Amino acid sequence: MILKIRKYLMIYILCILATALYGTAAYRVEQTRMQPTFAVSCHHDLCAPRTGSFSSLR
């Protein structure tokens, strides 16, 4: 019984760790995207939007 509990606890901890890692990466992407850009060095057809959020990209 203890091995079963340990196995489920390990799976739960790994899921929490993966979710936290993904959330941190998404937060950092949003923070980077929201930073103002002072130099525009792209053509209009190749420019990636930097002020949009994930919901506006859909």
C-alpha atoms as a PDB file:
ATOM      1  CA  MET A   1       0.000   0.000   0.000  1.00  0.00           C
ATOM      2  CA  ILE A   2       2.841   2.404   0.788  1.00  0.00           C
ATOM      3  CA  LEU A   3       4.392   1.833  -2.644  1.00  0.00           C
ATOM      4  CA  LYS A   4       1.079   2.682  -4.290  1.00  0.00           C
ATOM      5  CA  ILE A   5       0.775   5.917  -2.283  1.00  0.00           C
ATOM      6  CA  ARG A   6       4.377   6.824  -3.078  1.00  0.00           C
ATOM      7  CA  LYS A   7       3.782   6.215  -6.796  1.00  0.00           C
ATOM      8  CA  TYR A   8       0.671   8.413  -6.895  1.00  0.00           C
ATOM      9  CA  LEU A   9       2.401  11.089  -4.860  1.00  0.00           C
ATOM     10  CA  MET A  10       5.319  11.115  -7.297  1.00  0.00           C
ATOM     11  CA  ILE A  11       2.949  11.419 -10.278  1.00  0.00           C
ATOM     12  CA  TYR A  12       1.103  14.266  -8.544  1.00  0.00           C
ATOM     13  CA  ILE A  13       4.347  16.118  -7.770  1.00  0.00           C
ATOM     14  CA  LEU A  14       5.582  15.715 -11.359  1.00  0.00           C
ATOM     15  CA  CYS A  15       2.294  17.069 -12.723  1.00  0.00           C
ATOM     16  CA  ILE A  16       2.484  20.071 -10.394  1.00  0.00           C
ATOM     17  CA  LEU A  17       6.110  20.665 -11.408  1.00  0.00           C
ATOM     18  CA  ALA A  18       5.294  20.498 -15.130  1.00  0.00           C
ATOM     19  CA  THR A  19       2.342  22.857 -14.696  1.00  0.00           C
ATOM     20  CA  ALA A  20       4.463  25.328 -12.731  1.00  0.00           C
ATOM     21  CA  LEU A  21       7.207  25.220 -15.350  1.00  0.00           C
ATOM     22  CA  TYR A  22       4.723  25.842 -18.170  1.00  0.00           C
ATOM     23  CA  GLY A  23       3.029  28.650 -16.243  1.00  0.00           C
ATOM     24  CA  THR A  24       6.341  30.349 -15.529  1.00  0.00           C
ATOM     25  CA  ALA A  25       7.352  30.166 -19.182  1.00  0.00           C
ATOM     26  CA  ALA A  26       4.002  31.580 -20.328  1.00  0.00           C
ATOM     27  CA  TYR A  27       4.267  34.409 -17.791  1.00  0.00           C
ATOM     28  CA  ARG A  28       7.767  35.315 -18.953  1.00  0.00           C
ATOM     29  CA  VAL A  29       6.656  35.311 -22.600  1.00  0.00           C
ATOM     30  CA  GLU A  30       3.800  37.686 -21.753  1.00  0.00           C
ATOM     31  CA  GLN A  31       6.124  39.977 -19.790  1.00  0.00           C
ATOM     32  CA  THR A  32       8.600  40.063 -22.667  1.00  0.00           C
ATOM     33  CA  ARG A  33       5.818  40.720 -25.153  1.00  0.00           C
ATOM     34  CA  MET A  34       4.449  43.641 -23.119  1.00  0.00           C
ATOM     35  CA  GLN A  35       7.776  45.478 -22.972  1.00  0.00           C
ATOM     36  CA  PRO A  36       7.793  48.550 -25.195  1.00  0.00           C
ATOM     37  CA  THR A  37       9.962  48.396 -28.269  1.00  0.00           C
ATOM     38  CA  PHE A  38      11.679  51.618 -29.212  1.00  0.00           C
ATOM     39  CA  ALA A  39      13.340  50.581 -32.457  1.00  0.00           C
ATOM     40  CA  VAL A  40      11.139  49.121 -35.153  1.00  0.00           C
ATOM     41  CA  SER A  41      13.407  47.201 -37.480  1.00  0.00           C
ATOM     42  CA  CYS A  42      11.037  44.991 -39.420  1.00  0.00           C
ATOM     43  CA  HIS A  43       9.008  45.205 -42.591  1.00  0.00           C
ATOM     44  CA  HIS A  44       5.243  45.345 -42.276  1.00  0.00           C
ATOM     45  CA  ASP A  45       4.668  41.913 -43.789  1.00  0.00           C
ATOM     46  CA  LEU A  46       7.258  40.253 -41.519  1.00  0.00           C
ATOM     47  CA  CYS A  47       6.521  42.078 -38.256  1.00  0.00           C
ATOM     48  CA  ALA A  48       5.359  40.017 -35.309  1.00  0.00           C
ATOM     49  CA  PRO A  49       2.941  41.831 -32.996  1.00  0.00           C
ATOM     50  CA  ARG A  50       4.541  42.606 -29.642  1.00  0.00           C
ATOM     51  CA  THR A  51       1.665  44.223 -27.792  1.00  0.00           C
ATOM     52  CA  GLY A  52      -0.939  41.485 -28.194  1.00  0.00           C
ATOM     53  CA  SER A  53      -1.805  38.854 -25.660  1.00  0.00           C
ATOM     54  CA  PHE A  54      -2.362  35.147 -26.233  1.00  0.00           C
ATOM     55  CA  SER A  55      -6.140  35.586 -26.573  1.00  0.00           C
ATOM     56  CA  SER A  56      -5.794  38.160 -29.350  1.00  0.00           C
ATOM     57  CA  LEU A  57      -3.598  35.839 -31.428  1.00  0.00           C
ATOM     58  CA  ARG A  58      -6.390  33.335 -32.034  1.00  0.00           C
END
